[in-house]
Structures are given as C-alpha cells and as structure tokens.
C-alpha atoms as a PDB file:
ATOM      1  CA  UNK A   1      81.874 -98.845  35.973  1.00  0.00           C
ATOM      2  CA  UNK A   2      82.717-102.489  36.784  1.00  0.00           C
ATOM      3  CA  UNK A   3      82.344-101.807  40.499  1.00  0.00           C
ATOM      4  CA  UNK A   4      78.955-100.247  39.942  1.00  0.00           C
ATOM      5  CA  UNK A   5      77.879-103.169  37.761  1.00  0.00           C
ATOM      6  CA  UNK A   6      79.049-105.650  40.415  1.00  0.00           C
ATOM      7  CA  UNK A   7      77.151-103.779  43.106  1.00  0.00           C
ATOM      8  CA  UNK A   8      73.978-103.828  41.045  1.00  0.00           C
ATOM      9  CA  UNK A   9      74.367-107.560  40.359  1.00  0.00           C
ATOM     10  CA  UNK A  10      74.947-108.233  44.062  1.00  0.00           C
ATOM     11  CA  UNK A  11      71.842-106.230  44.982  1.00  0.00           C
ATOM     12  CA  UNK A  12      69.836-108.159  42.401  1.00  0.00           C
ATOM     13  CA  UNK A  13      70.936-111.503  43.860  1.00  0.00           C
ATOM     14  CA  UNK A  14      69.656-110.375  47.255  1.00  0.00           C
ATOM     15  CA  UNK A  15      66.145-110.633  45.783  1.00  0.00           C
ATOM     16  CA  UNK A  16      66.361-114.416  45.274  1.00  0.00           C
ATOM     17  CA  UNK A  17      64.069-115.104  48.277  1.00  0.00           C
ATOM     18  CA  UNK A  18      61.405-112.936  46.611  1.00  0.00           C
ATOM     19  CA  UNK A  19      61.698-115.021  43.445  1.00  0.00           C
ATOM     20  CA  UNK A  20      61.346-118.210  45.457  1.00  0.00           C
ATOM     21  CA  UNK A  21      58.228-116.898  47.174  1.00  0.00           C
ATOM     22  CA  UNK A  22      56.749-115.947  43.817  1.00  0.00           C
ATOM     23  CA  UNK A  23      57.482-119.436  42.469  1.00  0.00           C
ATOM     24  CA  UNK A  24      55.841-121.115  45.467  1.00  0.00           C
ATOM     25  CA  UNK A  25      52.785-118.845  45.236  1.00  0.00           C
ATOM     26  CA  UNK A  26      52.297-119.577  41.530  1.00  0.00           C
ATOM     27  CA  UNK A  27      52.722-123.313  42.167  1.00  0.00           C
ATOM     28  CA  UNK A  28      49.968-123.246  44.794  1.00  0.00           C
ATOM     29  CA  UNK A  29      47.576-121.624  42.357  1.00  0.00           C
ATOM     30  CA  UNK A  30      48.425-124.029  39.557  1.00  0.00           C
ATOM     31  CA  UNK A  31      47.665-126.964  41.840  1.00  0.00           C
ATOM     32  CA  UNK A  32      44.433-125.425  43.124  1.00  0.00           C
ATOM     33  CA  UNK A  33      45.622-125.144  46.722  1.00  0.00           C
ATOM     34  CA  UNK A  34      44.758-121.486  47.202  1.00  0.00           C
ATOM     35  CA  UNK A  35      41.583-119.458  46.627  1.00  0.00           C
ATOM     36  CA  UNK A  36      42.591-116.331  48.544  1.00  0.00           C
ATOM     37  CA  UNK A  37      41.898-113.176  46.439  1.00  0.00           C
ATOM     38  CA  UNK A  38      44.780-111.338  48.102  1.00  0.00           C
ATOM     39  CA  UNK A  39      47.108-114.164  47.082  1.00  0.00           C
ATOM     40  CA  UNK A  40      45.876-113.834  43.500  1.00  0.00           C
ATOM     41  CA  UNK A  41      46.706-110.125  43.574  1.00  0.00           C
ATOM     42  CA  UNK A  42      50.148-111.008  44.891  1.00  0.00           C
ATOM     43  CA  UNK A  43      50.726-113.301  41.898  1.00  0.00           C
ATOM     44  CA  UNK A  44      50.014-110.361  39.571  1.00  0.00           C
ATOM     45  CA  UNK A  45      52.466-108.226  41.572  1.00  0.00           C
ATOM     46  CA  UNK A  46      55.017-111.033  41.387  1.00  0.00           C
ATOM     47  CA  UNK A  47      54.708-111.033  37.609  1.00  0.00           C
ATOM     48  CA  UNK A  48      55.616-107.343  37.381  1.00  0.00           C
ATOM     49  CA  UNK A  49      58.487-107.754  39.845  1.00  0.00           C
ATOM     50  CA  UNK A  50      59.906-110.741  37.988  1.00  0.00           C
ATOM     51  CA  UNK A  51      59.647-108.986  34.621  1.00  0.00           C
ATOM     52  CA  UNK A  52      61.604-106.036  35.993  1.00  0.00           C
ATOM     53  CA  UNK A  53      64.254-108.211  37.647  1.00  0.00           C
ATOM     54  CA  UNK A  54      64.573-110.431  34.592  1.00  0.00           C
ATOM     55  CA  UNK A  55      65.347-107.441  32.373  1.00  0.00           C
ATOM     56  CA  UNK A  56      68.080-106.417  34.817  1.00  0.00           C
ATOM     57  CA  UNK A  57      69.405-109.977  35.120  1.00  0.00           C
ATOM     58  CA  UNK A  58      69.730-110.306  31.351  1.00  0.00           C
ATOM     59  CA  UNK A  59      71.818-107.144  31.302  1.00  0.00           C
ATOM     60  CA  UNK A  60      73.892-107.737  34.459  1.00  0.00           C
ATOM     61  CA  UNK A  61      74.072-111.558  34.642  1.00  0.00           C
ATOM     62  CA  UNK A  62      73.490-112.804  31.088  1.00  0.00           C
ATOM     63  CA  UNK A  63      75.232-116.167  31.479  1.00  0.00           C
ATOM     64  CA  UNK A  64      74.463-116.974  35.095  1.00  0.00           C
ATOM     65  CA  UNK A  65      72.315-119.678  36.620  1.00  0.00           C
ATOM     66  CA  UNK A  66      70.451-116.965  38.503  1.00  0.00           C
ATOM     67  CA  UNK A  67      69.241-115.574  35.182  1.00  0.00           C
ATOM     68  CA  UNK A  68      68.159-119.084  34.046  1.00  0.00           C
ATOM     69  CA  UNK A  69      66.293-119.673  37.291  1.00  0.00           C
ATOM     70  CA  UNK A  70      64.601-116.279  37.075  1.00  0.00           C
ATOM     71  CA  UNK A  71      63.471-116.988  33.515  1.00  0.00           C
ATOM     72  CA  UNK A  72      61.905-120.303  34.572  1.00  0.00           C
ATOM     73  CA  UNK A  73      60.060-118.655  37.486  1.00  0.00           C
ATOM     74  CA  UNK A  74      58.875-115.845  35.212  1.00  0.00           C
ATOM     75  CA  UNK A  75      57.579-118.359  32.660  1.00  0.00           C
ATOM     76  CA  UNK A  76      55.717-120.290  35.370  1.00  0.00           C
ATOM     77  CA  UNK A  77      54.028-117.176  36.773  1.00  0.00           C
ATOM     78  CA  UNK A  78      53.157-116.041  33.250  1.00  0.00           C
ATOM     79  CA  UNK A  79      51.503-119.406  32.513  1.00  0.00           C
ATOM     80  CA  UNK A  80      49.571-119.245  35.786  1.00  0.00           C
ATOM     81  CA  UNK A  81      48.196-115.790  35.020  1.00  0.00           C
ATOM     82  CA  UNK A  82      47.226-116.625  31.457  1.00  0.00           C
ATOM     83  CA  UNK A  83      45.902-120.151  31.920  1.00  0.00           C
ATOM     84  CA  UNK A  84      44.953-120.304  35.589  1.00  0.00           C
ATOM     85  CA  UNK A  85      45.191-123.294  37.890  1.00  0.00           C
ATOM     86  CA  UNK A  86      44.074-126.711  36.735  1.00  0.00           C
ATOM     87  CA  UNK A  87      41.666-128.291  39.177  1.00  0.00           C
ATOM     88  CA  UNK A  88      40.468-131.821  38.639  1.00  0.00           C
ATOM     89  CA  UNK A  89      37.149-131.360  40.404  1.00  0.00           C
ATOM     90  CA  UNK A  90      36.234-128.164  38.552  1.00  0.00           C
ATOM     91  CA  UNK A  91      37.355-129.628  35.229  1.00  0.00           C
ATOM     92  CA  UNK A  92      35.227-132.765  35.651  1.00  0.00           C
ATOM     93  CA  UNK A  93      32.248-130.720  36.815  1.00  0.00           C
ATOM     94  CA  UNK A  94      32.488-128.472  33.750  1.00  0.00           C
ATOM     95  CA  UNK A  95      32.874-131.521  31.505  1.00  0.00           C
ATOM     96  CA  UNK A  96      29.812-133.373  32.803  1.00  0.00           C
ATOM     97  CA  UNK A  97      27.685-130.281  33.470  1.00  0.00           C
ATOM     98  CA  UNK A  98      28.316-128.331  30.266  1.00  0.00           C
ATOM     99  CA  UNK A  99      30.437-130.026  27.613  1.00  0.00           C
ATOM    100  CA  UNK A 100      28.872-133.503  27.525  1.00  0.00           C
ATOM    101  CA  UNK A 101      25.242-132.238  27.481  1.00  0.00           C
ATOM    102  CA  UNK A 102      26.157-129.817  24.674  1.00  0.00           C
ATOM    103  CA  UNK A 103      27.767-132.639  22.681  1.00  0.00           C
ATOM    104  CA  UNK A 104      24.772-134.927  23.234  1.00  0.00           C
ATOM    105  CA  UNK A 105      22.415-132.164  22.032  1.00  0.00           C
ATOM    106  CA  UNK A 106      24.611-131.757  18.948  1.00  0.00           C
ATOM    107  CA  UNK A 107      24.395-135.516  18.329  1.00  0.00           C
ATOM    108  CA  UNK A 108      20.598-135.647  18.746  1.00  0.00           C
ATOM    109  CA  UNK A 109      19.800-135.995  14.994  1.00  0.00           C
ATOM    110  CA  UNK A 110      22.421-138.716  14.571  1.00  0.00           C
ATOM    111  CA  UNK A 111      21.206-140.485  17.705  1.00  0.00           C
ATOM    112  CA  UNK A 112      17.642-140.487  16.381  1.00  0.00           C
ATOM    113  CA  UNK A 113      18.516-142.296  13.171  1.00  0.00           C
ATOM    114  CA  UNK A 114      21.039-144.696  14.751  1.00  0.00           C
ATOM    115  CA  UNK A 115      18.400-145.712  17.315  1.00  0.00           C
ATOM    116  CA  UNK A 116      15.808-146.121  14.567  1.00  0.00           C
ATOM    117  CA  UNK A 117      18.279-148.213  12.567  1.00  0.00           C
ATOM    118  CA  UNK A 118      18.957-150.503  15.537  1.00  0.00           C
ATOM    119  CA  UNK A 119      15.263-150.940  16.379  1.00  0.00           C
ATOM    120  CA  UNK A 120      14.312-151.663  12.771  1.00  0.00           C
ATOM    121  CA  UNK A 121      17.166-154.142  12.408  1.00  0.00           C
ATOM    122  CA  UNK A 122      16.114-155.911  15.616  1.00  0.00           C
ATOM    123  CA  UNK A 123      12.514-156.106  14.379  1.00  0.00           C
ATOM    124  CA  UNK A 124      13.705-157.464  11.032  1.00  0.00           C
ATOM    125  CA  UNK A 125      15.875-160.100  12.729  1.00  0.00           C
ATOM    126  CA  UNK A 126      12.989-161.169  14.945  1.00  0.00           C
ATOM    127  CA  UNK A 127      10.558-161.454  12.031  1.00  0.00           C
ATOM    128  CA  UNK A 128      13.083-163.303   9.894  1.00  0.00           C
ATOM    129  CA  UNK A 129      13.916-166.040  12.426  1.00  0.00           C
ATOM    130  CA  UNK A 130      10.323-166.267  13.649  1.00  0.00           C
ATOM    131  CA  UNK A 131       9.278-167.076  10.071  1.00  0.00           C
ATOM    132  CA  UNK A 132      12.330-169.166   9.147  1.00  0.00           C
ATOM    133  CA  UNK A 133      13.833-170.654  12.375  1.00  0.00           C
ATOM    134  CA  UNK A 134      16.612-172.461  10.507  1.00  0.00           C
ATOM    135  CA  UNK A 135      18.210-169.075   9.714  1.00  0.00           C
ATOM    136  CA  UNK A 136      19.305-168.772  13.364  1.00  0.00           C
ATOM    137  CA  UNK A 137      22.512-170.486  12.270  1.00  0.00           C
ATOM    138  CA  UNK A 138      23.475-167.199  10.573  1.00  0.00           C
ATOM    139  CA  UNK A 139      23.386-165.325  13.874  1.00  0.00           C
ATOM    140  CA  UNK A 140      24.164-167.766  16.713  1.00  0.00           C
ATOM    141  CA  UNK A 141      26.860-170.306  17.476  1.00  0.00           C
ATOM    142  CA  UNK A 142      26.142-174.079  17.490  1.00  0.00           C
ATOM    143  CA  UNK A 143      26.644-174.176  21.273  1.00  0.00           C
ATOM    144  CA  UNK A 144      24.032-171.464  21.809  1.00  0.00           C
ATOM    145  CA  UNK A 145      21.569-173.225  19.521  1.00  0.00           C
ATOM    146  CA  UNK A 146      22.118-176.573  21.248  1.00  0.00           C
ATOM    147  CA  UNK A 147      21.660-174.978  24.674  1.00  0.00           C
ATOM    148  CA  UNK A 148      18.357-173.354  23.689  1.00  0.00           C
ATOM    149  CA  UNK A 149      17.060-176.529  22.044  1.00  0.00           C
ATOM    150  CA  UNK A 150      17.767-178.417  25.279  1.00  0.00           C
ATOM    151  CA  UNK A 151      15.592-175.920  27.171  1.00  0.00           C
ATOM    152  CA  UNK A 152      18.365-173.923  28.835  1.00  0.00           C
ATOM    153  CA  UNK A 153      19.772-170.447  28.283  1.00  0.00           C
ATOM    154  CA  UNK A 154      23.501-170.134  27.729  1.00  0.00           C
ATOM    155  CA  UNK A 155      23.486-167.494  30.504  1.00  0.00           C
ATOM    156  CA  UNK A 156      22.555-170.045  33.175  1.00  0.00           C
ATOM    157  CA  UNK A 157      25.404-171.031  35.438  1.00  0.00           C
ATOM    158  CA  UNK A 158      27.643-168.102  34.512  1.00  0.00           C
ATOM    159  CA  UNK A 159      28.449-167.519  38.174  1.00  0.00           C
ATOM    160  CA  UNK A 160      29.586-171.143  38.443  1.00  0.00           C
ATOM    161  CA  UNK A 161      32.022-170.675  35.563  1.00  0.00           C
ATOM    162  CA  UNK A 162      33.734-167.480  36.760  1.00  0.00           C
ATOM    163  CA  UNK A 163      33.502-165.235  39.841  1.00  0.00           C
ATOM    164  CA  UNK A 164      31.387-162.120  39.445  1.00  0.00           C
ATOM    165  CA  UNK A 165      34.435-159.850  39.650  1.00  0.00           C
ATOM    166  CA  UNK A 166      36.209-161.652  36.808  1.00  0.00           C
ATOM    167  CA  UNK A 167      33.010-161.850  34.770  1.00  0.00           C
ATOM    168  CA  UNK A 168      32.368-158.144  35.277  1.00  0.00           C
ATOM    169  CA  UNK A 169      35.850-157.161  34.054  1.00  0.00           C
ATOM    170  CA  UNK A 170      35.525-159.397  30.986  1.00  0.00           C
ATOM    171  CA  UNK A 171      32.123-157.949  30.140  1.00  0.00           C
ATOM    172  CA  UNK A 172      33.375-154.383  30.662  1.00  0.00           C
ATOM    173  CA  UNK A 173      36.324-154.937  28.334  1.00  0.00           C
ATOM    174  CA  UNK A 174      34.084-156.455  25.661  1.00  0.00           C
ATOM    175  CA  UNK A 175      31.524-153.644  25.913  1.00  0.00           C
ATOM    176  CA  UNK A 176      34.167-150.945  25.610  1.00  0.00           C
ATOM    177  CA  UNK A 177      35.684-152.659  22.558  1.00  0.00           C
ATOM    178  CA  UNK A 178      32.266-152.902  20.879  1.00  0.00           C
ATOM    179  CA  UNK A 179      31.484-149.232  21.607  1.00  0.00           C
ATOM    180  CA  UNK A 180      34.861-148.069  20.344  1.00  0.00           C
ATOM    181  CA  UNK A 181      34.410-150.170  17.219  1.00  0.00           C
ATOM    182  CA  UNK A 182      30.963-148.655  16.662  1.00  0.00           C
ATOM    183  CA  UNK A 183      32.517-145.188  17.039  1.00  0.00           C
ATOM    184  CA  UNK A 184      35.597-145.735  14.877  1.00  0.00           C
ATOM    185  CA  UNK A 185      33.672-147.552  12.155  1.00  0.00           C
ATOM    186  CA  UNK A 186      31.636-144.383  11.678  1.00  0.00           C
ATOM    187  CA  UNK A 187      34.760-142.727  10.295  1.00  0.00           C
ATOM    188  CA  UNK A 188      34.115-144.681   7.070  1.00  0.00           C
ATOM    189  CA  UNK A 189      31.683-141.929   6.049  1.00  0.00           C
ATOM    190  CA  UNK A 190      29.010-143.449   8.324  1.00  0.00           C
ATOM    191  CA  UNK A 191      28.925-146.800   6.508  1.00  0.00           C
ATOM    192  CA  UNK A 192      30.609-148.588   9.414  1.00  0.00           C
ATOM    193  CA  UNK A 193      27.915-147.391  11.799  1.00  0.00           C
ATOM    194  CA  UNK A 194      25.255-148.745   9.443  1.00  0.00           C
ATOM    195  CA  UNK A 195      26.981-152.135   9.441  1.00  0.00           C
ATOM    196  CA  UNK A 196      27.682-152.420  13.205  1.00  0.00           C
ATOM    197  CA  UNK A 197      24.284-151.283  14.440  1.00  0.00           C
ATOM    198  CA  UNK A 198      22.435-153.184  11.729  1.00  0.00           C
ATOM    199  CA  UNK A 199      24.296-156.409  12.454  1.00  0.00           C
ATOM    200  CA  UNK A 200      23.885-156.164  16.233  1.00  0.00           C
ATOM    201  CA  UNK A 201      20.205-155.324  15.857  1.00  0.00           C
ATOM    202  CA  UNK A 202      19.646-158.318  13.572  1.00  0.00           C
ATOM    203  CA  UNK A 203      21.466-160.612  16.004  1.00  0.00           C
ATOM    204  CA  UNK A 204      19.493-159.405  19.022  1.00  0.00           C
ATOM    205  CA  UNK A 205      16.145-159.744  17.268  1.00  0.00           C
ATOM    206  CA  UNK A 206      17.017-163.143  15.799  1.00  0.00           C
ATOM    207  CA  UNK A 207      18.135-164.573  19.145  1.00  0.00           C
ATOM    208  CA  UNK A 208      15.050-163.233  20.915  1.00  0.00           C
ATOM    209  CA  UNK A 209      12.813-164.826  18.284  1.00  0.00           C
ATOM    210  CA  UNK A 210      14.600-168.160  18.577  1.00  0.00           C
ATOM    211  CA  UNK A 211      14.518-168.376  22.369  1.00  0.00           C
ATOM    212  CA  UNK A 212      10.873-167.271  22.352  1.00  0.00           C
ATOM    213  CA  UNK A 213       9.986-170.226  20.107  1.00  0.00           C
ATOM    214  CA  UNK A 214      11.448-172.489  22.806  1.00  0.00           C
ATOM    215  CA  UNK A 215       9.669-170.751  25.689  1.00  0.00           C
ATOM    216  CA  UNK A 216      12.777-168.939  26.988  1.00  0.00           C
ATOM    217  CA  UNK A 217      11.964-165.379  25.927  1.00  0.00           C
ATOM    218  CA  UNK A 218      11.019-164.312  29.442  1.00  0.00           C
ATOM    219  CA  UNK A 219      14.202-165.772  30.915  1.00  0.00           C
ATOM    220  CA  UNK A 220      16.360-163.916  28.376  1.00  0.00           C
ATOM    221  CA  UNK A 221      14.501-160.657  29.014  1.00  0.00           C
ATOM    222  CA  UNK A 222      15.015-161.162  32.759  1.00  0.00           C
ATOM    223  CA  UNK A 223      18.747-161.521  32.156  1.00  0.00           C
ATOM    224  CA  UNK A 224      19.041-158.473  29.897  1.00  0.00           C
ATOM    225  CA  UNK A 225      16.720-155.977  31.565  1.00  0.00           C
ATOM    226  CA  UNK A 226      19.077-154.899  34.371  1.00  0.00           C
ATOM    227  CA  UNK A 227      21.993-153.902  32.140  1.00  0.00           C
ATOM    228  CA  UNK A 228      20.690-153.974  28.585  1.00  0.00           C
ATOM    229  CA  UNK A 229      18.836-150.643  28.539  1.00  0.00           C
ATOM    230  CA  UNK A 230      21.999-148.654  29.186  1.00  0.00           C
ATOM    231  CA  UNK A 231      24.267-150.992  27.214  1.00  0.00           C
ATOM    232  CA  UNK A 232      22.179-150.759  24.048  1.00  0.00           C
ATOM    233  CA  UNK A 233      21.720-147.004  24.497  1.00  0.00           C
ATOM    234  CA  UNK A 234      25.476-146.537  24.781  1.00  0.00           C
ATOM    235  CA  UNK A 235      25.986-148.567  21.604  1.00  0.00           C
ATOM    236  CA  UNK A 236      23.588-146.309  19.702  1.00  0.00           C
ATOM    237  CA  UNK A 237      25.210-143.209  21.197  1.00  0.00           C
ATOM    238  CA  UNK A 238      28.699-144.381  20.220  1.00  0.00           C
ATOM    239  CA  UNK A 239      27.462-145.100  16.715  1.00  0.00           C
ATOM    240  CA  UNK A 240      25.919-141.622  16.529  1.00  0.00           C
ATOM    241  CA  UNK A 241      29.218-140.034  17.574  1.00  0.00           C
ATOM    242  CA  UNK A 242      31.078-142.003  14.927  1.00  0.00           C
ATOM    243  CA  UNK A 243      28.494-141.090  12.286  1.00  0.00           C
ATOM    244  CA  UNK A 244      28.901-137.388  13.142  1.00  0.00           C
ATOM    245  CA  UNK A 245      32.645-137.645  12.570  1.00  0.00           C
ATOM    246  CA  UNK A 246      31.998-139.557   9.349  1.00  0.00           C
ATOM    247  CA  UNK A 247      29.703-136.806   8.082  1.00  0.00           C
ATOM    248  CA  UNK A 248      32.347-134.211   8.930  1.00  0.00           C
ATOM    249  CA  UNK A 249      34.735-136.117   6.665  1.00  0.00           C
ATOM    250  CA  UNK A 250      32.130-136.484   3.938  1.00  0.00           C
ATOM    251  CA  UNK A 251      30.790-132.910   4.094  1.00  0.00           C
ATOM    252  CA  UNK A 252      33.516-130.742   5.666  1.00  0.00           C
ATOM    253  CA  UNK A 253      32.137-127.449   4.402  1.00  0.00           C
ATOM    254  CA  UNK A 254      34.329-124.399   4.035  1.00  0.00           C
ATOM    255  CA  UNK A 255      36.652-125.334   6.922  1.00  0.00           C
ATOM    256  CA  UNK A 256      38.402-128.147   5.092  1.00  0.00           C
ATOM    257  CA  UNK A 257      38.306-131.877   5.758  1.00  0.00           C
ATOM    258  CA  UNK A 258      41.099-131.972   8.357  1.00  0.00           C
ATOM    259  CA  UNK A 259      39.701-129.085  10.394  1.00  0.00           C
ATOM    260  CA  UNK A 260      36.165-130.510  10.235  1.00  0.00           C
ATOM    261  CA  UNK A 261      37.395-133.941  11.318  1.00  0.00           C
ATOM    262  CA  UNK A 262      39.372-132.483  14.232  1.00  0.00           C
ATOM    263  CA  UNK A 263      36.422-130.405  15.463  1.00  0.00           C
ATOM    264  CA  UNK A 264      33.959-133.314  15.247  1.00  0.00           C
ATOM    265  CA  UNK A 265      36.365-135.760  16.892  1.00  0.00           C
ATOM    266  CA  UNK A 266      37.064-133.399  19.798  1.00  0.00           C
ATOM    267  CA  UNK A 267      33.391-132.677  20.298  1.00  0.00           C
ATOM    268  CA  UNK A 268      32.349-136.319  20.209  1.00  0.00           C
ATOM    269  CA  UNK A 269      35.244-137.383  22.448  1.00  0.00           C
ATOM    270  CA  UNK A 270      33.458-135.982  25.506  1.00  0.00           C
ATOM    271  CA  UNK A 271      30.503-138.268  24.760  1.00  0.00           C
ATOM    272  CA  UNK A 272      32.806-141.288  24.552  1.00  0.00           C
ATOM    273  CA  UNK A 273      34.086-140.521  28.042  1.00  0.00           C
ATOM    274  CA  UNK A 274      30.508-140.541  29.357  1.00  0.00           C
ATOM    275  CA  UNK A 275      29.908-143.824  27.511  1.00  0.00           C
ATOM    276  CA  UNK A 276      32.941-145.378  29.204  1.00  0.00           C
ATOM    277  CA  UNK A 277      31.672-144.285  32.631  1.00  0.00           C
ATOM    278  CA  UNK A 278      28.250-145.775  31.912  1.00  0.00           C
ATOM    279  CA  UNK A 279      29.745-149.036  30.656  1.00  0.00           C
ATOM    280  CA  UNK A 280      31.634-149.469  33.923  1.00  0.00           C
ATOM    281  CA  UNK A 281      28.322-149.543  35.774  1.00  0.00           C
ATOM    282  CA  UNK A 282      26.710-151.752  33.126  1.00  0.00           C
ATOM    283  CA  UNK A 283      29.561-154.260  33.373  1.00  0.00           C
ATOM    284  CA  UNK A 284      29.245-154.325  37.142  1.00  0.00           C
ATOM    285  CA  UNK A 285      25.480-154.981  36.881  1.00  0.00           C
ATOM    286  CA  UNK A 286      25.910-157.634  34.199  1.00  0.00           C
ATOM    287  CA  UNK A 287      28.540-159.430  36.252  1.00  0.00           C
ATOM    288  CA  UNK A 288      26.892-159.286  39.683  1.00  0.00           C
ATOM    289  CA  UNK A 289      23.139-158.792  39.148  1.00  0.00           C
ATOM    290  CA  UNK A 290      21.978-160.135  35.778  1.00  0.00           C
ATOM    291  CA  UNK A 291      23.144-163.776  36.126  1.00  0.00           C
ATOM    292  CA  UNK A 292      22.109-164.140  39.767  1.00  0.00           C
ATOM    293  CA  UNK A 293      18.929-166.266  39.913  1.00  0.00           C
ATOM    294  CA  UNK A 294      18.297-165.239  43.522  1.00  0.00           C
ATOM    295  CA  UNK A 295      17.571-161.624  42.535  1.00  0.00           C
ATOM    296  CA  UNK A 296      13.851-161.297  41.630  1.00  0.00           C
ATOM    297  CA  UNK A 297      12.714-159.924  38.302  1.00  0.00           C
ATOM    298  CA  UNK A 298      11.142-156.850  39.919  1.00  0.00           C
ATOM    299  CA  UNK A 299      14.469-155.857  41.441  1.00  0.00           C
ATOM    300  CA  UNK A 300      16.236-156.281  38.098  1.00  0.00           C
ATOM    301  CA  UNK A 301      13.637-154.137  36.357  1.00  0.00           C
ATOM    302  CA  UNK A 302      14.033-151.453  39.023  1.00  0.00           C
ATOM    303  CA  UNK A 303      17.823-151.531  38.690  1.00  0.00           C
ATOM    304  CA  UNK A 304      17.656-151.361  34.894  1.00  0.00           C
ATOM    305  CA  UNK A 305      15.147-148.504  34.874  1.00  0.00           C
ATOM    306  CA  UNK A 306      17.001-146.629  37.608  1.00  0.00           C
ATOM    307  CA  UNK A 307      20.335-146.920  35.845  1.00  0.00           C
ATOM    308  CA  UNK A 308      18.780-145.795  32.561  1.00  0.00           C
ATOM    309  CA  UNK A 309      17.345-142.709  34.293  1.00  0.00           C
ATOM    310  CA  UNK A 310      20.774-142.085  35.800  1.00  0.00           C
ATOM    311  CA  UNK A 311      22.192-142.212  32.269  1.00  0.00           C
ATOM    312  CA  UNK A 312      19.696-139.588  31.108  1.00  0.00           C
ATOM    313  CA  UNK A 313      20.565-137.341  34.050  1.00  0.00           C
ATOM    314  CA  UNK A 314      24.291-137.757  33.396  1.00  0.00           C
ATOM    315  CA  UNK A 315      24.048-136.987  29.684  1.00  0.00           C
ATOM    316  CA  UNK A 316      21.791-133.966  30.284  1.00  0.00           C
ATOM    317  CA  UNK A 317      24.038-132.481  32.983  1.00  0.00           C
ATOM    318  CA  UNK A 318      21.304-132.573  35.623  1.00  0.00           C
ATOM    319  CA  UNK A 319      23.496-134.309  38.183  1.00  0.00           C
ATOM    320  CA  UNK A 320      25.297-131.022  38.776  1.00  0.00           C
ATOM    321  CA  UNK A 321      23.392-127.896  39.859  1.00  0.00           C
ATOM    322  CA  UNK A 322      23.594-124.864  37.618  1.00  0.00           C
ATOM    323  CA  UNK A 323      25.200-121.763  39.059  1.00  0.00           C
ATOM    324  CA  UNK A 324      22.814-118.818  39.126  1.00  0.00           C
ATOM    325  CA  UNK A 325      24.074-115.401  38.253  1.00  0.00           C
ATOM    326  CA  UNK A 326      23.553-112.821  40.951  1.00  0.00           C
END
C-alpha cells in the first residue's frame, strides 16, 4: 500500500509544470495582458485540473510544500475566474463614462439648491457692501483693502512673487482643501454646507462690490474668468455631495444610519475624484493664465468657457463613446 501511495505521489509531482503554466496564465489575465478567448477557456480547464490535483495532494501529500504551492495556485485561478482581471484603462473608462455621470444625476437636486445658495449669498454680499462699504472689513484683510484703495488689485504682480509652477501647486492645494472641507462639512447634517457655501458666496459678492466701487471690477473679472467658472462649480458640486451624505445621516430610512452613510459616501466619492481632476486643470490655469497681463481678455474668456464645457462633458460621461449593443 505504501509503495502504491508513493507511486501516486510521485506521479502527482510530475504535474508541477502544468501547475506553473496555470499560474502564469491566470497571472496574465489578472494583469490584463491577454484577451485571447482560447486562453480564457484554458484558465477554466486549469481550474478543474487544479481542483482535482489539489484533492489528491491533500490526501497523498498533506504536509508538503507541493500541497501549499498547489493551494496558492488554485486560489489565484479561482479569484481570476470569479473576479476577472483588473485593467486600469477599463476601470477608469467605466468610472468616468458610467459611475460619475450616474452620481452627478443623483446629486442634481442637491446641486440645484447649493448653487442657488451660493448665488443668493453672493448677491447678498454684493448688495450689503455696495450699500455699506465699511462692512468690507468683515470679509477682506487690511492688506487687500489697502491695495484696492490705492487703485491696484492684490492679484497684480503675482508672477513676480512666485513662479507660475509654484503658484499653481499652491493654488491647487488650497482649492482641494476648500473642496474637501465643503464636502466633509456636509456630514454635519448639511449645516456645514450651508455655512461654507454661504460664507464663500458672501465674501465673493462683497469683494466684487468693493473693487467695483474703486473701478477695478473689470480687472477682477478678467482675473477670475479663466479659472473661476470651473472652480466655483466644483465648490458647489463638492458641497452638494457633502449635503447628500448629511441627508443620509439625517434620514437613513429603513437601511439604518451606518448603511445609509456608507452607500452615500461611496456614491459621492466618485464625484470627488472628478472634482480633483478638474481642480488640477483649474490650478494650472490660475497659476499660468489668470495672472498673466499679456494674455488678452478674449483668450481668457475662451479658456474659461472651454474648460467649463469640458467639465460638463466630463461629468456627463460624453467624453467616452457609448458601446452599442449588436
């Protein structure tokens, strides 16, 4: 009986090259390096072969390294068959073509009221400082006020203070922090979103009213137009995502508060990724284009409008063609 068992174990070990081939084939599929249908069929055959050999190895070689190796190969092939290969390009395409547009559509009601809140706050800030100019001290620093009163915008000479590359990185970091803060503050049952968007809207309107009283409104608009459309839109979108999570905490429904929070956070996370991508471009524009006095206003308007249209295409999934069913 021992001789027969040894012979069977020896015959089983002769199949090690087949196990190694199966491991290499599964690894290629996991890494997205093979699209051959015949290779896919071979992976399914490998799974059956490995399952059969593993059952024999557990009986004949229960404490051997061959059995351990066979179990690891079997687990890898099993994972490949059940989960498929992970491909960066296909994953990103699915994210931007399907998941982000679906999340943005889900956030549409929240986006409508966060945008309305920001616009109304900006109008209120403008009217307030236009009627009572001394209240600008509530919204602007003494240096900014002194610069405007001397007839100069604080944005003039930015390129003389820091190179465009450094300025762009600083602006990008600040924009991402503000957007994340607008998102996370929404977790406070939406009250944080009300505060962040209301405060930023009041500040923007107040500063515009103040510079307009000193004849600098056009210069400030010229500085903002190239990057501001997307930047302000991203702020409202981040606030809407945070408000959606806040409502899930406030009104979880039958799922429970933890489950509702997890679902809303995962769904809105895709939108935050799109916001980060858009802020990279906005930071680049604000660092290289907006402060450059040699770029004419028409070019800045075209860049701002074009980038805003790009944002709409990105968030709607129109940058990637839809696959038509045969």
